[in-house]
Amino acid sequence: NKMIKLMFEHCGTEPDLLDEGHRFKVCFWKPH
C-alpha cells in the first residue's frame, strides 16, 4: 500500500525487491 502503490503513482514503476540470501535489498529506480 505504500512502497509499491506510491512508486506506481509517482513514477509508473514498482520498486525492485531482491532476496539475495544473506541480505534483502529494496531498489527504487528514478525516471530514466
Full PDB file with SEQRES, HELIX, SHEET, SSBOND, CRYST1, ORIGX, SCALE, CONECT and MASTER records, all heavy atoms in Angstrom:
SEQRES   1 A   32  ASN LYS MET ILE LYS LEU MET PHE GLU HIS CYS GLY THR          
SEQRES   2 A   32  GLU PRO ASP LEU LEU ASP GLU GLY HIS ARG PHE LYS VAL          
SEQRES   3 A   32  CYS PHE TRP LYS PRO HIS                                      
HELIX    1 AA1 MET A    3  CYS A   11  1                                   9    
SHEET    1 AA1 2 ASP A  16  ASP A  19  0                                        
SHEET    2 AA1 2 PHE A  24  CYS A  27 -1                                        
CRYST1    1.000    1.000    1.000  90.00  90.00  90.00 P 1           1          
ORIGX1      1.000000  0.000000  0.000000        0.00000                         
ORIGX2      0.000000  1.000000  0.000000        0.00000                         
ORIGX3      0.000000  0.000000  1.000000        0.00000                         
SCALE1      1.000000  0.000000  0.000000        0.00000                         
SCALE2      0.000000  1.000000  0.000000        0.00000                         
SCALE3      0.000000  0.000000  1.000000        0.00000                         
ATOM      1  N   ASN A   1       0.789  -1.233   0.000  1.00  0.00           N  
ATOM      2  CA  ASN A   1       0.000   0.000   0.000  1.00  0.00           C  
ATOM      3  C   ASN A   1       0.818   1.278   0.000  1.00  0.00           C  
ATOM      4  O   ASN A   1       0.278   2.347  -0.296  1.00  0.00           O  
ATOM      5  CB  ASN A   1      -0.947   0.012   1.196  1.00  0.00           C  
ATOM      6  CG  ASN A   1      -2.037  -1.030   1.077  1.00  0.00           C  
ATOM      7  OD1 ASN A   1      -2.206  -1.635   0.024  1.00  0.00           O  
ATOM      8  ND2 ASN A   1      -2.760  -1.263   2.152  1.00  0.00           N  
ATOM      9  N   LYS A   2       2.106   1.174   0.359  1.00  0.00           N  
ATOM     10  CA  LYS A   2       2.939   2.374   0.391  1.00  0.00           C  
ATOM     11  C   LYS A   2       4.061   2.296  -0.642  1.00  0.00           C  
ATOM     12  O   LYS A   2       4.101   3.085  -1.581  1.00  0.00           O  
ATOM     13  CB  LYS A   2       3.494   2.591   1.802  1.00  0.00           C  
ATOM     14  CG  LYS A   2       2.414   2.958   2.816  1.00  0.00           C  
ATOM     15  CD  LYS A   2       2.997   3.229   4.194  1.00  0.00           C  
ATOM     16  CE  LYS A   2       1.897   3.578   5.192  1.00  0.00           C  
ATOM     17  NZ  LYS A   2       2.437   3.798   6.548  1.00  0.00           N  
ATOM     18  N   MET A   3       4.937   1.326  -0.483  1.00  0.00           N  
ATOM     19  CA  MET A   3       6.086   1.272  -1.380  1.00  0.00           C  
ATOM     20  C   MET A   3       5.666   1.068  -2.836  1.00  0.00           C  
ATOM     21  O   MET A   3       6.041   1.834  -3.726  1.00  0.00           O  
ATOM     22  CB  MET A   3       7.054   0.180  -0.927  1.00  0.00           C  
ATOM     23  CG  MET A   3       7.811   0.527   0.339  1.00  0.00           C  
ATOM     24  SD  MET A   3       8.652  -0.896   1.077  1.00  0.00           S  
ATOM     25  CE  MET A   3       9.560  -1.540  -0.313  1.00  0.00           C  
ATOM     26  N   ILE A   4       4.892   0.026  -3.087  1.00  0.00           N  
ATOM     27  CA  ILE A   4       4.521  -0.289  -4.466  1.00  0.00           C  
ATOM     28  C   ILE A   4       3.516   0.710  -5.016  1.00  0.00           C  
ATOM     29  O   ILE A   4       3.677   1.249  -6.120  1.00  0.00           O  
ATOM     30  CB  ILE A   4       3.973  -1.723  -4.550  1.00  0.00           C  
ATOM     31  CG1 ILE A   4       5.090  -2.728  -4.233  1.00  0.00           C  
ATOM     32  CG2 ILE A   4       3.377  -2.000  -5.934  1.00  0.00           C  
ATOM     33  CD1 ILE A   4       4.647  -4.169  -4.207  1.00  0.00           C  
ATOM     34  N   LYS A   5       2.466   0.995  -4.256  1.00  0.00           N  
ATOM     35  CA  LYS A   5       1.418   1.895  -4.734  1.00  0.00           C  
ATOM     36  C   LYS A   5       1.949   3.304  -4.987  1.00  0.00           C  
ATOM     37  O   LYS A   5       1.687   3.908  -6.035  1.00  0.00           O  
ATOM     38  CB  LYS A   5       0.281   1.937  -3.725  1.00  0.00           C  
ATOM     39  CG  LYS A   5      -0.883   2.825  -4.149  1.00  0.00           C  
ATOM     40  CD  LYS A   5      -1.985   2.826  -3.093  1.00  0.00           C  
ATOM     41  CE  LYS A   5      -3.135   3.740  -3.509  1.00  0.00           C  
ATOM     42  NZ  LYS A   5      -4.202   3.766  -2.482  1.00  0.00           N  
ATOM     43  N   LEU A   6       2.715   3.838  -4.036  1.00  0.00           N  
ATOM     44  CA  LEU A   6       3.220   5.201  -4.189  1.00  0.00           C  
ATOM     45  C   LEU A   6       4.218   5.306  -5.339  1.00  0.00           C  
ATOM     46  O   LEU A   6       4.232   6.302  -6.061  1.00  0.00           O  
ATOM     47  CB  LEU A   6       3.854   5.679  -2.880  1.00  0.00           C  
ATOM     48  CG  LEU A   6       2.890   5.886  -1.708  1.00  0.00           C  
ATOM     49  CD1 LEU A   6       3.648   6.257  -0.452  1.00  0.00           C  
ATOM     50  CD2 LEU A   6       1.854   6.956  -2.044  1.00  0.00           C  
ATOM     51  N   MET A   7       5.056   4.284  -5.508  1.00  0.00           N  
ATOM     52  CA  MET A   7       6.004   4.304  -6.625  1.00  0.00           C  
ATOM     53  C   MET A   7       5.275   4.262  -7.964  1.00  0.00           C  
ATOM     54  O   MET A   7       5.644   4.966  -8.915  1.00  0.00           O  
ATOM     55  CB  MET A   7       6.962   3.119  -6.512  1.00  0.00           C  
ATOM     56  CG  MET A   7       8.234   3.418  -5.739  1.00  0.00           C  
ATOM     57  SD  MET A   7       9.307   4.654  -6.525  1.00  0.00           S  
ATOM     58  CE  MET A   7       9.952   3.717  -7.895  1.00  0.00           C  
ATOM     59  N   PHE A   8       4.235   3.451  -8.048  1.00  0.00           N  
ATOM     60  CA  PHE A   8       3.494   3.363  -9.311  1.00  0.00           C  
ATOM     61  C   PHE A   8       2.796   4.686  -9.624  1.00  0.00           C  
ATOM     62  O   PHE A   8       2.798   5.151 -10.771  1.00  0.00           O  
ATOM     63  CB  PHE A   8       2.466   2.229  -9.247  1.00  0.00           C  
ATOM     64  CG  PHE A   8       1.847   1.909 -10.568  1.00  0.00           C  
ATOM     65  CD1 PHE A   8       2.524   1.137 -11.495  1.00  0.00           C  
ATOM     66  CD2 PHE A   8       0.605   2.406 -10.898  1.00  0.00           C  
ATOM     67  CE1 PHE A   8       1.974   0.846 -12.726  1.00  0.00           C  
ATOM     68  CE2 PHE A   8       0.033   2.130 -12.133  1.00  0.00           C  
ATOM     69  CZ  PHE A   8       0.720   1.349 -13.043  1.00  0.00           C  
ATOM     70  N   GLU A   9       2.211   5.300  -8.601  1.00  0.00           N  
ATOM     71  CA  GLU A   9       1.538   6.580  -8.818  1.00  0.00           C  
ATOM     72  C   GLU A   9       2.524   7.691  -9.173  1.00  0.00           C  
ATOM     73  O   GLU A   9       2.217   8.563  -9.985  1.00  0.00           O  
ATOM     74  CB  GLU A   9       0.755   6.979  -7.562  1.00  0.00           C  
ATOM     75  CG  GLU A   9      -0.438   6.090  -7.281  1.00  0.00           C  
ATOM     76  CD  GLU A   9      -1.108   6.412  -5.956  1.00  0.00           C  
ATOM     77  OE1 GLU A   9      -0.514   7.174  -5.153  1.00  0.00           O  
ATOM     78  OE2 GLU A   9      -2.202   5.888  -5.705  1.00  0.00           O  
ATOM     79  N   HIS A  10       3.711   7.649  -8.591  1.00  0.00           N  
ATOM     80  CA  HIS A  10       4.690   8.731  -8.765  1.00  0.00           C  
ATOM     81  C   HIS A  10       5.541   8.546 -10.022  1.00  0.00           C  
ATOM     82  O   HIS A  10       5.816   9.501 -10.734  1.00  0.00           O  
ATOM     83  CB  HIS A  10       5.598   8.774  -7.529  1.00  0.00           C  
ATOM     84  CG  HIS A  10       6.393  10.032  -7.391  1.00  0.00           C  
ATOM     85  ND1 HIS A  10       5.987  11.090  -6.620  1.00  0.00           N  
ATOM     86  CD2 HIS A  10       7.577  10.402  -7.929  1.00  0.00           C  
ATOM     87  CE1 HIS A  10       6.886  12.057  -6.681  1.00  0.00           C  
ATOM     88  NE2 HIS A  10       7.868  11.663  -7.470  1.00  0.00           N  
ATOM     89  N   CYS A  11       5.972   7.308 -10.265  1.00  0.00           N  
ATOM     90  CA  CYS A  11       6.922   7.051 -11.346  1.00  0.00           C  
ATOM     91  C   CYS A  11       6.413   6.078 -12.410  1.00  0.00           C  
ATOM     92  O   CYS A  11       7.071   5.887 -13.430  1.00  0.00           O  
ATOM     93  CB  CYS A  11       8.236   6.497 -10.782  1.00  0.00           C  
ATOM     94  SG  CYS A  11       9.071   7.596  -9.645  1.00  0.00           S  
ATOM     95  N   GLY A  12       5.282   5.426 -12.129  1.00  0.00           N  
ATOM     96  CA  GLY A  12       4.778   4.452 -13.087  1.00  0.00           C  
ATOM     97  C   GLY A  12       5.519   3.136 -13.066  1.00  0.00           C  
ATOM     98  O   GLY A  12       5.387   2.319 -13.968  1.00  0.00           O  
ATOM     99  N   THR A  13       6.322   2.897 -12.020  1.00  0.00           N  
ATOM    100  CA  THR A  13       7.088   1.657 -11.892  1.00  0.00           C  
ATOM    101  C   THR A  13       6.940   1.122 -10.472  1.00  0.00           C  
ATOM    102  O   THR A  13       6.456   1.812  -9.576  1.00  0.00           O  
ATOM    103  CB  THR A  13       8.577   1.879 -12.186  1.00  0.00           C  
ATOM    104  OG1 THR A  13       9.105   2.841 -11.251  1.00  0.00           O  
ATOM    105  CG2 THR A  13       8.791   2.394 -13.598  1.00  0.00           C  
ATOM    106  N   GLU A  14       7.389  -0.110 -10.277  1.00  0.00           N  
ATOM    107  CA  GLU A  14       7.430  -0.700  -8.945  1.00  0.00           C  
ATOM    108  C   GLU A  14       8.876  -0.775  -8.469  1.00  0.00           C  
ATOM    109  O   GLU A  14       9.797  -0.884  -9.281  1.00  0.00           O  
ATOM    110  CB  GLU A  14       6.838  -2.111  -8.950  1.00  0.00           C  
ATOM    111  CG  GLU A  14       5.345  -2.178  -9.183  1.00  0.00           C  
ATOM    112  CD  GLU A  14       4.817  -3.593  -9.014  1.00  0.00           C  
ATOM    113  OE1 GLU A  14       5.605  -4.482  -8.623  1.00  0.00           O  
ATOM    114  OE2 GLU A  14       3.617  -3.804  -9.283  1.00  0.00           O  
ATOM    115  N   PRO A  15       9.097  -0.749  -7.152  1.00  0.00           N  
ATOM    116  CA  PRO A  15      10.465  -0.952  -6.653  1.00  0.00           C  
ATOM    117  C   PRO A  15      10.899  -2.399  -6.841  1.00  0.00           C  
ATOM    118  O   PRO A  15      10.060  -3.311  -6.875  1.00  0.00           O  
ATOM    119  CB  PRO A  15      10.353  -0.596  -5.168  1.00  0.00           C  
ATOM    120  CG  PRO A  15       8.919  -0.862  -4.833  1.00  0.00           C  
ATOM    121  CD  PRO A  15       8.137  -0.524  -6.066  1.00  0.00           C  
ATOM    122  N   ASP A  16      12.188  -2.612  -6.990  1.00  0.00           N  
ATOM    123  CA  ASP A  16      12.723  -3.973  -7.038  1.00  0.00           C  
ATOM    124  C   ASP A  16      12.877  -4.487  -5.609  1.00  0.00           C  
ATOM    125  O   ASP A  16      13.488  -3.814  -4.764  1.00  0.00           O  
ATOM    126  CB  ASP A  16      14.090  -3.997  -7.720  1.00  0.00           C  
ATOM    127  CG  ASP A  16      13.991  -3.757  -9.221  1.00  0.00           C  
ATOM    128  OD1 ASP A  16      12.878  -3.920  -9.770  1.00  0.00           O  
ATOM    129  OD2 ASP A  16      15.006  -3.399  -9.832  1.00  0.00           O  
ATOM    130  N   LEU A  17      12.349  -5.672  -5.331  1.00  0.00           N  
ATOM    131  CA  LEU A  17      12.525  -6.341  -4.044  1.00  0.00           C  
ATOM    132  C   LEU A  17      13.385  -7.561  -4.298  1.00  0.00           C  
ATOM    133  O   LEU A  17      12.981  -8.475  -5.018  1.00  0.00           O  
ATOM    134  CB  LEU A  17      11.168  -6.748  -3.456  1.00  0.00           C  
ATOM    135  CG  LEU A  17      10.104  -5.649  -3.362  1.00  0.00           C  
ATOM    136  CD1 LEU A  17       8.806  -6.209  -2.790  1.00  0.00           C  
ATOM    137  CD2 LEU A  17      10.594  -4.481  -2.523  1.00  0.00           C  
ATOM    138  N   LEU A  18      14.589  -7.593  -3.735  1.00  0.00           N  
ATOM    139  CA  LEU A  18      15.583  -8.602  -4.092  1.00  0.00           C  
ATOM    140  C   LEU A  18      16.035  -9.367  -2.855  1.00  0.00           C  
ATOM    141  O   LEU A  18      16.640  -8.809  -1.935  1.00  0.00           O  
ATOM    142  CB  LEU A  18      16.792  -7.935  -4.761  1.00  0.00           C  
ATOM    143  CG  LEU A  18      16.479  -7.051  -5.976  1.00  0.00           C  
ATOM    144  CD1 LEU A  18      17.708  -6.283  -6.407  1.00  0.00           C  
ATOM    145  CD2 LEU A  18      15.937  -7.899  -7.116  1.00  0.00           C  
ATOM    146  N   ASP A  19      15.734 -10.664  -2.844  1.00  0.00           N  
ATOM    147  CA  ASP A  19      16.204 -11.554  -1.787  1.00  0.00           C  
ATOM    148  C   ASP A  19      17.536 -12.141  -2.234  1.00  0.00           C  
ATOM    149  O   ASP A  19      17.583 -13.005  -3.109  1.00  0.00           O  
ATOM    150  CB  ASP A  19      15.176 -12.655  -1.539  1.00  0.00           C  
ATOM    151  CG  ASP A  19      15.595 -13.613  -0.434  1.00  0.00           C  
ATOM    152  OD1 ASP A  19      16.664 -13.391   0.183  1.00  0.00           O  
ATOM    153  OD2 ASP A  19      14.866 -14.593  -0.183  1.00  0.00           O  
ATOM    154  N   GLU A  20      18.627 -11.643  -1.652  1.00  0.00           N  
ATOM    155  CA  GLU A  20      19.960 -12.074  -2.068  1.00  0.00           C  
ATOM    156  C   GLU A  20      20.581 -13.076  -1.096  1.00  0.00           C  
ATOM    157  O   GLU A  20      21.793 -13.240  -1.050  1.00  0.00           O  
ATOM    158  CB  GLU A  20      20.863 -10.851  -2.233  1.00  0.00           C  
ATOM    159  CG  GLU A  20      20.343  -9.894  -3.303  1.00  0.00           C  
ATOM    160  CD  GLU A  20      21.226  -8.674  -3.513  1.00  0.00           C  
ATOM    161  OE1 GLU A  20      22.051  -8.365  -2.625  1.00  0.00           O  
ATOM    162  OE2 GLU A  20      21.089  -8.030  -4.557  1.00  0.00           O  
ATOM    163  N   GLY A  21      19.737 -13.740  -0.327  1.00  0.00           N  
ATOM    164  CA  GLY A  21      20.216 -14.791   0.574  1.00  0.00           C  
ATOM    165  C   GLY A  21      20.728 -14.240   1.884  1.00  0.00           C  
ATOM    166  O   GLY A  21      20.101 -14.386   2.926  1.00  0.00           O  
ATOM    167  N   HIS A  22      21.880 -13.586   1.851  1.00  0.00           N  
ATOM    168  CA  HIS A  22      22.479 -13.044   3.060  1.00  0.00           C  
ATOM    169  C   HIS A  22      22.020 -11.622   3.362  1.00  0.00           C  
ATOM    170  O   HIS A  22      22.392 -11.054   4.390  1.00  0.00           O  
ATOM    171  CB  HIS A  22      24.000 -13.052   2.932  1.00  0.00           C  
ATOM    172  CG  HIS A  22      24.517 -12.177   1.828  1.00  0.00           C  
ATOM    173  ND1 HIS A  22      24.277 -12.439   0.486  1.00  0.00           N  
ATOM    174  CD2 HIS A  22      25.236 -11.028   1.859  1.00  0.00           C  
ATOM    175  CE1 HIS A  22      24.843 -11.499  -0.252  1.00  0.00           C  
ATOM    176  NE2 HIS A  22      25.417 -10.635   0.548  1.00  0.00           N  
ATOM    177  N   ARG A  23      21.203 -11.056   2.452  1.00  0.00           N  
ATOM    178  CA  ARG A  23      20.691  -9.703   2.674  1.00  0.00           C  
ATOM    179  C   ARG A  23      19.455  -9.492   1.799  1.00  0.00           C  
ATOM    180  O   ARG A  23      19.232 -10.226   0.833  1.00  0.00           O  
ATOM    181  CB  ARG A  23      21.756  -8.655   2.355  1.00  0.00           C  
ATOM    182  CG  ARG A  23      22.189  -8.628   0.889  1.00  0.00           C  
ATOM    183  CD  ARG A  23      23.265  -7.585   0.651  1.00  0.00           C  
ATOM    184  NE  ARG A  23      23.468  -7.351  -0.773  1.00  0.00           N  
ATOM    185  CZ  ARG A  23      24.248  -6.389  -1.258  1.00  0.00           C  
ATOM    186  NH1 ARG A  23      24.899  -5.599  -0.436  1.00  0.00           N  
ATOM    187  NH2 ARG A  23      24.368  -6.231  -2.567  1.00  0.00           N  
ATOM    188  N   PHE A  24      18.677  -8.470   2.168  1.00  0.00           N  
ATOM    189  CA  PHE A  24      17.474  -8.139   1.413  1.00  0.00           C  
ATOM    190  C   PHE A  24      17.594  -6.693   0.935  1.00  0.00           C  
ATOM    191  O   PHE A  24      17.915  -5.792   1.709  1.00  0.00           O  
ATOM    192  CB  PHE A  24      16.227  -8.298   2.285  1.00  0.00           C  
ATOM    193  CG  PHE A  24      14.957  -7.898   1.595  1.00  0.00           C  
ATOM    194  CD1 PHE A  24      14.465  -8.654   0.541  1.00  0.00           C  
ATOM    195  CD2 PHE A  24      14.262  -6.770   1.977  1.00  0.00           C  
ATOM    196  CE1 PHE A  24      13.299  -8.282  -0.114  1.00  0.00           C  
ATOM    197  CE2 PHE A  24      13.094  -6.392   1.342  1.00  0.00           C  
ATOM    198  CZ  PHE A  24      12.609  -7.151   0.290  1.00  0.00           C  
ATOM    199  N   LYS A  25      17.348  -6.490  -0.372  1.00  0.00           N  
ATOM    200  CA  LYS A  25      17.547  -5.163  -0.963  1.00  0.00           C  
ATOM    201  C   LYS A  25      16.244  -4.639  -1.569  1.00  0.00           C  
ATOM    202  O   LYS A  25      15.519  -5.373  -2.236  1.00  0.00           O  
ATOM    203  CB  LYS A  25      18.616  -5.226  -2.060  1.00  0.00           C  
ATOM    204  CG  LYS A  25      18.890  -3.869  -2.726  1.00  0.00           C  
ATOM    205  CD  LYS A  25      19.708  -4.027  -4.006  1.00  0.00           C  
ATOM    206  CE  LYS A  25      21.100  -4.520  -3.740  1.00  0.00           C  
ATOM    207  NZ  LYS A  25      21.909  -4.560  -4.996  1.00  0.00           N  
ATOM    208  N   VAL A  26      15.985  -3.353  -1.314  1.00  0.00           N  
ATOM    209  CA  VAL A  26      14.902  -2.645  -1.985  1.00  0.00           C  
ATOM    210  C   VAL A  26      15.535  -1.563  -2.849  1.00  0.00           C  
ATOM    211  O   VAL A  26      16.367  -0.784  -2.371  1.00  0.00           O  
ATOM    212  CB  VAL A  26      13.927  -2.001  -0.979  1.00  0.00           C  
ATOM    213  CG1 VAL A  26      12.806  -1.268  -1.726  1.00  0.00           C  
ATOM    214  CG2 VAL A  26      13.337  -3.051  -0.055  1.00  0.00           C  
ATOM    215  N   CYS A  27      15.159  -1.536  -4.112  1.00  0.00           N  
ATOM    216  CA  CYS A  27      15.744  -0.576  -5.052  1.00  0.00           C  
ATOM    217  C   CYS A  27      14.632   0.252  -5.697  1.00  0.00           C  
ATOM    218  O   CYS A  27      13.723  -0.295  -6.323  1.00  0.00           O  
ATOM    219  CB  CYS A  27      16.551  -1.319  -6.118  1.00  0.00           C  
ATOM    220  SG  CYS A  27      17.360  -0.223  -7.307  1.00  0.00           S  
ATOM    221  N   PHE A  28      14.719   1.561  -5.523  1.00  0.00           N  
ATOM    222  CA  PHE A  28      13.779   2.493  -6.134  1.00  0.00           C  
ATOM    223  C   PHE A  28      14.476   3.158  -7.329  1.00  0.00           C  
ATOM    224  O   PHE A  28      15.456   3.890  -7.148  1.00  0.00           O  
ATOM    225  CB  PHE A  28      13.358   3.580  -5.141  1.00  0.00           C  
ATOM    226  CG  PHE A  28      12.628   3.063  -3.931  1.00  0.00           C  
ATOM    227  CD1 PHE A  28      13.308   2.783  -2.760  1.00  0.00           C  
ATOM    228  CD2 PHE A  28      11.254   2.859  -3.963  1.00  0.00           C  
ATOM    229  CE1 PHE A  28      12.642   2.317  -1.635  1.00  0.00           C  
ATOM    230  CE2 PHE A  28      10.571   2.398  -2.850  1.00  0.00           C  
ATOM    231  CZ  PHE A  28      11.265   2.117  -1.690  1.00  0.00           C  
ATOM    232  N   TRP A  29      13.961   2.910  -8.523  1.00  0.00           N  
ATOM    233  CA  TRP A  29      14.562   3.470  -9.727  1.00  0.00           C  
ATOM    234  C   TRP A  29      13.925   4.817 -10.054  1.00  0.00           C  
ATOM    235  O   TRP A  29      12.708   4.953 -10.086  1.00  0.00           O  
ATOM    236  CB  TRP A  29      14.395   2.529 -10.912  1.00  0.00           C  
ATOM    237  CG  TRP A  29      15.205   1.278 -10.765  1.00  0.00           C  
ATOM    238  CD1 TRP A  29      14.793   0.080 -10.280  1.00  0.00           C  
ATOM    239  CD2 TRP A  29      16.593   1.124 -11.084  1.00  0.00           C  
ATOM    240  NE1 TRP A  29      15.824  -0.831 -10.273  1.00  0.00           N  
ATOM    241  CE2 TRP A  29      16.942  -0.216 -10.770  1.00  0.00           C  
ATOM    242  CE3 TRP A  29      17.570   1.979 -11.603  1.00  0.00           C  
ATOM    243  CZ2 TRP A  29      18.232  -0.717 -10.957  1.00  0.00           C  
ATOM    244  CZ3 TRP A  29      18.848   1.478 -11.801  1.00  0.00           C  
ATOM    245  CH2 TRP A  29      19.173   0.152 -11.482  1.00  0.00           C  
ATOM    246  N   LYS A  30      14.780   5.796 -10.322  1.00  0.00           N  
ATOM    247  CA  LYS A  30      14.298   7.114 -10.733  1.00  0.00           C  
ATOM    248  C   LYS A  30      13.930   7.082 -12.216  1.00  0.00           C  
ATOM    249  O   LYS A  30      14.328   6.153 -12.932  1.00  0.00           O  
ATOM    250  CB  LYS A  30      15.387   8.167 -10.482  1.00  0.00           C  
ATOM    251  CG  LYS A  30      15.830   8.263  -9.026  1.00  0.00           C  
ATOM    252  CD  LYS A  30      16.996   9.230  -8.870  1.00  0.00           C  
ATOM    253  CE  LYS A  30      17.524   9.232  -7.451  1.00  0.00           C  
ATOM    254  NZ  LYS A  30      18.700  10.131  -7.293  1.00  0.00           N  
ATOM    255  N   PRO A  31      13.186   8.080 -12.696  1.00  0.00           N  
ATOM    256  CA  PRO A  31      12.900   8.145 -14.140  1.00  0.00           C  
ATOM    257  C   PRO A  31      14.190   8.083 -14.942  1.00  0.00           C  
ATOM    258  O   PRO A  31      15.200   8.701 -14.573  1.00  0.00           O  
ATOM    259  CB  PRO A  31      12.194   9.493 -14.288  1.00  0.00           C  
ATOM    260  CG  PRO A  31      11.564   9.728 -12.963  1.00  0.00           C  
ATOM    261  CD  PRO A  31      12.523   9.168 -11.957  1.00  0.00           C  
ATOM    262  N   HIS A  32      14.175   7.366 -16.059  1.00  0.00           N  
ATOM    263  CA  HIS A  32      15.408   7.116 -16.816  1.00  0.00           C  
ATOM    264  C   HIS A  32      16.019   8.392 -17.383  1.00  0.00           C  
ATOM    265  O   HIS A  32      17.217   8.593 -17.349  1.00  0.00           O  
ATOM    266  CB  HIS A  32      15.128   6.127 -17.962  1.00  0.00           C  
ATOM    267  CG  HIS A  32      14.752   4.772 -17.471  1.00  0.00           C  
ATOM    268  ND1 HIS A  32      15.624   3.971 -16.764  1.00  0.00           N  
ATOM    269  CD2 HIS A  32      13.595   4.069 -17.562  1.00  0.00           C  
ATOM    270  CE1 HIS A  32      15.022   2.838 -16.449  1.00  0.00           C  
ATOM    271  NE2 HIS A  32      13.787   2.870 -16.917  1.00  0.00           N  
TER     272      HIS A  32                                                      
MASTER        0    0    0    1    2    0    0    6  271    1    0    3          
END                                                                             
